[in-house]
Amino acid sequence: MDYFNEWLLHVPDGNIFVREIGTGETFVVLHGGWGAEHSYLLDPLIPFKQQIHLIFYDQRGSLRSSCKTESISLERHVEDLEKLRLSINLQKISLICHSMGSFLALQYLKHYPNNVKNIILISPVYAKASISSLTEDIESKTLARWERKNVVDLLKKYHLHNKKNSEFSDKERALWHRITFSAINLYDVSRWEQLRSCFYFKNEAGQSAAKSMPESWDFSPQIMGIEQKISVILGDDDYVPIQPNLDFYRLYPRVGVHVLRHAGHVCWIDQPEQFADTMNRILHTTKTIQSF
């Protein structure tokens, strides 16, 4: 049984739910979204609790972190993270980020470059792009993922393939959602039952944060200027195409890029051993650098 220390961080217009476990260097975990929540990252990261102290939290407006919708923005997400750093008395913060959490991490790095120690980006969105280019690249791959034979066969297995959404029972609709959500996020859709938190998405929170994003961005100066190492973990079958990330991050000597074979956006489910080995190597490197 894993026991967590859970508490609420008081922020303007609401509360941030915080959950922590483990010993060692503190890493704050930034979940994806916008509008998702942290619990889907417990399974892949708790195995490292003997090496690092993990702090998970739900971003404002997400499942356990109540606040007014009109208070949700990228700027407020950045300030919430800074308040969390101050509340746990850290001079510099280390981050583990998944998906859109990577954007929050790099935006935080832009605003508070002297407050960041180490960053691990898992299946990140592009660090240099525009909303239109990112959306176009994602949509071009997403639709094709639903048409894969193993996805169609799985829907047929549960008699969901030829039904209209209005014809589903509540349970069938949930099953259809879990399978199609897995089709987007996993290389091996047969592992769909391992994918957590398919329903815990706050659309209002996601839309509010997305609308506050810049039309385009380029975090090159921030990545070039960071003193510590950035580690990037990519699945070679991510619905966020990995080539732009490979082309970008390989320009910087302080960025370590790790590609997991036959892995999607939720790469730890597709390749749990590859993911664990990669994380262990990254954490070992982080400790070695700090010892100098």
Protein backbone atom coordinates (compact mmCIF):
# COMPACT_ATOMS: atom_id res chain seq x y z
CA MET A 1 0.00 0.00 0.00
CA ASP A 2 1.33 3.42 -0.98
CA TYR A 3 0.63 6.22 1.52
CA PHE A 4 0.58 9.79 0.33
CA ASN A 5 0.85 13.10 2.09
CA GLU A 6 -2.08 15.08 0.68
CA TRP A 7 -2.82 18.77 1.18
CA LEU A 8 -4.30 21.86 -0.42
CA LEU A 9 -2.24 24.77 -1.69
CA HIS A 10 -4.23 27.98 -1.37
CA VAL A 11 -3.98 30.12 -4.49
CA PRO A 12 -5.95 33.14 -5.73
CA ASP A 13 -9.51 32.08 -6.60
CA GLY A 14 -9.16 28.49 -5.43
CA ASN A 15 -7.19 25.55 -4.07
CA ILE A 16 -4.62 23.24 -5.65
CA PHE A 17 -4.74 19.58 -4.60
CA VAL A 18 -1.24 18.26 -3.86
CA ARG A 19 -0.13 14.67 -3.27
CA GLU A 20 3.43 13.63 -2.41
CA ILE A 21 5.35 10.43 -1.82
CA GLY A 22 8.94 9.17 -1.76
CA THR A 23 12.37 10.27 -0.56
CA GLY A 24 15.32 11.94 -2.24
CA GLU A 25 15.51 14.87 -4.63
CA THR A 26 12.11 16.50 -5.11
CA PHE A 27 10.51 16.33 -8.56
CA VAL A 28 7.22 18.11 -9.19
CA VAL A 29 5.08 16.27 -11.74
CA LEU A 30 3.16 18.24 -14.38
CA HIS A 31 0.30 16.31 -15.95
CA GLY A 32 -0.99 16.75 -19.48
CA GLY A 33 -4.14 18.36 -20.75
CA TRP A 34 -4.93 21.04 -20.63
CA GLY A 35 -7.75 19.97 -18.29
CA ALA A 36 -6.56 16.48 -17.35
CA GLU A 37 -5.43 15.40 -13.84
CA HIS A 38 -2.46 13.72 -12.23
CA SER A 39 -3.57 10.19 -11.29
CA TYR A 40 -2.67 8.55 -14.62
CA LEU A 41 0.98 9.33 -13.82
CA LEU A 42 1.00 7.49 -10.48
CA ASP A 43 1.60 4.01 -11.89
CA PRO A 44 4.63 4.88 -14.03
CA LEU A 45 6.32 7.14 -11.46
CA ILE A 46 5.63 5.65 -8.02
CA PRO A 47 8.16 2.82 -8.68
CA PHE A 48 10.87 5.50 -8.35
CA LYS A 49 9.74 6.62 -4.88
CA GLN A 50 12.84 5.09 -3.26
CA GLN A 51 15.02 7.34 -5.44
CA ILE A 52 13.11 10.62 -5.59
CA HIS A 53 10.48 12.58 -3.71
CA LEU A 54 7.49 12.98 -6.04
CA ILE A 55 4.98 15.83 -5.79
CA PHE A 56 1.86 15.43 -7.92
CA TYR A 57 -0.85 18.05 -8.22
CA ASP A 58 -3.95 18.79 -10.24
CA GLN A 59 -3.58 22.02 -12.19
CA ARG A 60 -6.15 24.70 -11.42
CA GLY A 61 -9.62 23.84 -12.65
CA SER A 62 -8.78 20.16 -13.01
CA LEU A 63 -10.43 17.33 -11.10
CA ARG A 64 -9.47 18.04 -7.48
CA SER A 65 -8.31 21.65 -7.81
CA SER A 66 -11.38 23.82 -7.69
CA CYS A 67 -11.30 27.39 -8.94
CA LYS A 68 -13.29 29.81 -11.03
CA THR A 69 -13.11 29.07 -14.75
CA GLU A 70 -12.34 32.69 -15.55
CA SER A 71 -9.19 32.46 -13.39
CA ILE A 72 -7.66 29.69 -15.53
CA SER A 73 -4.85 30.73 -17.85
CA LEU A 74 -1.32 29.80 -18.79
CA GLU A 75 -0.04 32.69 -16.68
CA ARG A 76 -1.95 31.46 -13.63
CA HIS A 77 -0.63 27.91 -14.14
CA VAL A 78 2.91 29.31 -14.11
CA GLU A 79 2.26 31.32 -10.95
CA ASP A 80 0.64 28.31 -9.24
CA LEU A 81 3.79 26.30 -9.90
CA GLU A 82 5.93 29.10 -8.50
CA LYS A 83 3.78 29.29 -5.38
CA LEU A 84 4.12 25.52 -4.96
CA ARG A 85 7.92 25.86 -5.18
CA LEU A 86 7.90 28.53 -2.50
CA SER A 87 5.54 26.57 -0.27
CA ILE A 88 7.85 23.54 -0.20
CA ASN A 89 10.93 25.74 0.40
CA LEU A 90 12.88 24.74 -2.70
CA GLN A 91 15.49 27.11 -4.08
CA LYS A 92 15.34 25.32 -7.44
CA ILE A 93 12.68 22.98 -8.72
CA SER A 94 13.05 19.78 -10.76
CA LEU A 95 10.20 18.76 -13.03
CA ILE A 96 8.79 15.63 -14.62
CA CYS A 97 6.31 16.58 -17.32
CA HIS A 98 4.01 14.70 -19.67
CA SER A 99 2.46 15.98 -22.89
CA MET A 100 1.13 19.55 -22.44
CA GLY A 101 2.81 19.59 -19.03
CA SER A 102 6.01 20.12 -21.03
CA PHE A 103 4.66 23.42 -22.32
CA LEU A 104 3.92 24.54 -18.78
CA ALA A 105 7.43 23.53 -17.70
CA LEU A 106 9.11 25.50 -20.49
CA GLN A 107 6.86 28.50 -19.92
CA TYR A 108 7.82 28.37 -16.24
CA LEU A 109 11.49 28.14 -17.26
CA LYS A 110 10.98 31.24 -19.43
CA HIS A 111 9.57 33.24 -16.51
CA TYR A 112 11.76 31.80 -13.74
CA PRO A 113 15.02 30.63 -15.37
CA ASN A 114 16.95 30.73 -12.09
CA ASN A 115 14.44 28.54 -10.26
CA VAL A 116 14.75 25.38 -12.39
CA LYS A 117 17.11 22.51 -11.71
CA ASN A 118 16.38 19.45 -13.89
CA ILE A 119 13.61 18.74 -16.40
CA ILE A 120 12.35 15.39 -17.71
CA LEU A 121 9.95 15.76 -20.64
CA ILE A 122 7.86 12.70 -21.51
CA SER A 123 6.02 12.74 -24.86
CA PRO A 124 6.25 16.54 -25.02
CA VAL A 125 4.47 18.88 -27.37
CA TYR A 126 6.70 20.89 -29.68
CA ALA A 127 9.05 23.43 -28.09
CA LYS A 128 9.01 25.54 -31.25
CA ALA A 129 5.76 25.72 -33.18
CA SER A 130 2.45 27.47 -33.63
CA ILE A 131 -1.02 26.40 -32.56
CA SER A 132 -2.01 25.84 -36.19
CA SER A 133 1.03 23.70 -37.06
CA LEU A 134 0.76 21.61 -33.88
CA THR A 135 -2.98 21.07 -34.38
CA GLU A 136 -2.50 20.13 -38.04
CA ASP A 137 0.24 17.61 -37.26
CA ILE A 138 -1.78 16.01 -34.46
CA GLU A 139 -5.04 15.79 -36.39
CA SER A 140 -3.35 14.28 -39.43
CA LYS A 141 -2.21 11.29 -37.36
CA THR A 142 -5.10 10.97 -34.92
CA LEU A 143 -7.82 10.01 -37.40
CA ALA A 144 -5.66 7.32 -38.97
CA ARG A 145 -5.04 5.72 -35.58
CA TRP A 146 -8.74 4.94 -35.18
CA GLU A 147 -8.69 3.06 -38.50
CA ARG A 148 -5.96 0.59 -37.54
CA LYS A 149 -7.05 -3.02 -37.92
CA ASN A 150 -6.39 -3.92 -34.28
CA VAL A 151 -8.60 -1.02 -33.17
CA VAL A 152 -11.42 -1.99 -35.53
CA ASP A 153 -11.14 -5.64 -34.44
CA LEU A 154 -11.34 -4.61 -30.78
CA LEU A 155 -14.46 -2.53 -31.38
CA LYS A 156 -16.00 -5.45 -33.26
CA LYS A 157 -15.18 -7.78 -30.38
CA TYR A 158 -17.40 -5.70 -28.10
CA HIS A 159 -20.05 -5.10 -30.81
CA LEU A 160 -19.33 -1.39 -30.94
CA HIS A 161 -18.13 -0.97 -34.50
CA ASN A 162 -21.34 -0.30 -36.41
CA LYS A 163 -23.35 1.39 -33.70
CA LYS A 164 -24.13 5.08 -33.60
CA ASN A 165 -23.21 6.94 -30.44
CA SER A 166 -26.89 7.54 -29.69
CA GLU A 167 -27.47 3.77 -29.69
CA PHE A 168 -24.89 3.03 -27.00
CA SER A 169 -25.86 2.23 -23.44
CA ASP A 170 -23.93 4.26 -20.87
CA LYS A 171 -21.60 1.33 -20.27
CA GLU A 172 -21.06 0.77 -23.99
CA ARG A 173 -20.33 4.46 -24.53
CA ALA A 174 -17.72 4.35 -21.77
CA LEU A 175 -16.14 1.24 -23.28
CA TRP A 176 -16.08 2.81 -26.75
CA HIS A 177 -14.45 5.93 -25.29
CA ARG A 178 -11.76 3.94 -23.47
CA ILE A 179 -10.86 1.94 -26.57
CA THR A 180 -10.77 4.90 -28.95
CA PHE A 181 -8.87 6.99 -26.39
CA SER A 182 -6.36 4.14 -26.15
CA ALA A 183 -6.14 3.99 -29.93
CA ILE A 184 -4.85 7.57 -29.93
CA ASN A 185 -2.43 7.16 -27.05
CA LEU A 186 -1.09 3.60 -27.39
CA TYR A 187 0.91 1.68 -29.95
CA ASP A 188 -0.51 -1.59 -28.62
CA VAL A 189 -4.24 -0.98 -28.19
CA SER A 190 -4.67 -4.43 -26.62
CA ARG A 191 -3.33 -2.78 -23.44
CA TRP A 192 -6.33 -0.43 -23.33
CA GLU A 193 -7.46 -1.63 -19.90
CA GLN A 194 -4.23 -0.28 -18.36
CA LEU A 195 -4.96 3.29 -19.45
CA ARG A 196 -6.28 5.28 -16.49
CA SER A 197 -8.25 8.49 -16.11
CA CYS A 198 -10.01 8.40 -19.47
CA PHE A 199 -12.99 10.33 -18.10
CA TYR A 200 -11.39 12.87 -15.78
CA PHE A 201 -11.10 15.78 -18.16
CA LYS A 202 -12.45 19.25 -17.45
CA ASN A 203 -13.26 20.74 -20.83
CA GLU A 204 -13.78 24.26 -19.47
CA ALA A 205 -10.38 24.22 -17.79
CA GLY A 206 -8.74 22.91 -20.95
CA GLN A 207 -10.34 25.51 -23.19
CA SER A 208 -9.50 28.39 -20.87
CA ALA A 209 -5.82 27.45 -20.70
CA ALA A 210 -5.62 26.77 -24.44
CA LYS A 211 -7.14 30.14 -25.32
CA SER A 212 -4.50 31.89 -23.22
CA MET A 213 -1.60 30.29 -25.12
CA PRO A 214 0.38 32.38 -27.60
CA GLU A 215 -0.30 31.81 -31.30
CA SER A 216 3.31 30.68 -31.72
CA TRP A 217 6.26 29.98 -29.44
CA ASP A 218 9.96 29.23 -29.46
CA PHE A 219 11.65 28.02 -26.28
CA SER A 220 15.10 27.77 -27.88
CA PRO A 221 16.61 30.56 -25.71
CA GLN A 222 15.37 28.90 -22.52
CA ILE A 223 16.72 25.47 -23.46
CA MET A 224 20.02 26.92 -24.62
CA GLY A 225 20.42 28.80 -21.34
CA ILE A 226 19.57 26.10 -18.81
CA GLU A 227 22.47 25.06 -16.59
CA GLN A 228 21.31 21.54 -15.81
CA LYS A 229 20.34 18.73 -18.14
CA ILE A 230 17.02 18.31 -19.92
CA SER A 231 15.98 14.75 -20.70
CA VAL A 232 13.38 13.96 -23.34
CA ILE A 233 11.58 10.60 -23.62
CA LEU A 234 9.74 9.96 -26.87
CA GLY A 235 7.70 7.03 -28.17
CA ASP A 236 8.36 6.34 -31.85
CA ASP A 237 4.60 5.92 -32.47
CA ASP A 238 3.39 9.06 -30.68
CA TYR A 239 0.40 10.84 -32.21
CA VAL A 240 2.46 13.99 -31.69
CA PRO A 241 4.94 13.33 -34.54
CA ILE A 242 8.38 12.84 -33.03
CA GLN A 243 10.53 14.08 -35.93
CA PRO A 244 10.06 17.80 -35.13
CA ASN A 245 11.00 17.08 -31.52
CA LEU A 246 14.04 15.05 -32.60
CA ASP A 247 15.17 17.79 -35.00
CA PHE A 248 14.75 20.45 -32.33
CA TYR A 249 16.21 18.84 -29.21
CA ARG A 250 19.22 17.26 -30.92
CA LEU A 251 20.53 20.76 -31.60
CA TYR A 252 21.34 21.21 -27.90
CA PRO A 253 24.21 19.31 -26.24
CA ARG A 254 22.65 19.53 -22.77
CA VAL A 255 19.52 17.73 -23.93
CA GLY A 256 19.45 13.94 -23.78
CA VAL A 257 16.94 12.35 -26.15
CA HIS A 258 15.66 8.82 -25.56
CA VAL A 259 13.37 7.09 -28.08
CA LEU A 260 11.29 4.08 -26.99
CA ARG A 261 10.52 1.64 -29.80
CA HIS A 262 6.91 0.60 -30.46
CA ALA A 263 5.56 3.11 -27.96
CA GLY A 264 2.88 5.76 -28.21
CA HIS A 265 2.04 8.95 -26.31
CA VAL A 266 1.54 6.98 -23.08
CA CYS A 267 4.82 5.21 -23.66
CA TRP A 268 5.13 3.56 -20.22
CA ILE A 269 2.14 1.32 -20.91
CA ASP A 270 3.42 0.21 -24.31
CA GLN A 271 6.98 -0.34 -23.10
CA PRO A 272 7.13 -0.51 -19.30
CA GLU A 273 10.62 -2.02 -19.15
CA GLN A 274 12.10 0.41 -21.68
CA PHE A 275 10.50 3.29 -19.81
CA ALA A 276 11.76 2.12 -16.39
CA ASP A 277 15.29 1.55 -17.71
CA THR A 278 15.34 4.98 -19.34
CA MET A 279 14.07 6.72 -16.21
CA ASN A 280 16.65 4.93 -14.07
CA ARG A 281 19.46 6.04 -16.41
CA ILE A 282 18.22 9.62 -16.37
CA LEU A 283 17.92 9.72 -12.58
CA HIS A 284 21.37 8.18 -12.18
CA THR A 285 22.82 10.81 -14.55
CA THR A 286 21.06 13.56 -12.61
CA LYS A 287 22.57 12.35 -9.33
CA THR A 288 26.04 12.06 -10.93
CA ILE A 289 25.90 15.63 -12.25
CA GLN A 290 24.81 16.97 -8.85
CA SER A 291 27.67 15.18 -7.07
CA PHE A 292 30.29 17.29 -8.86
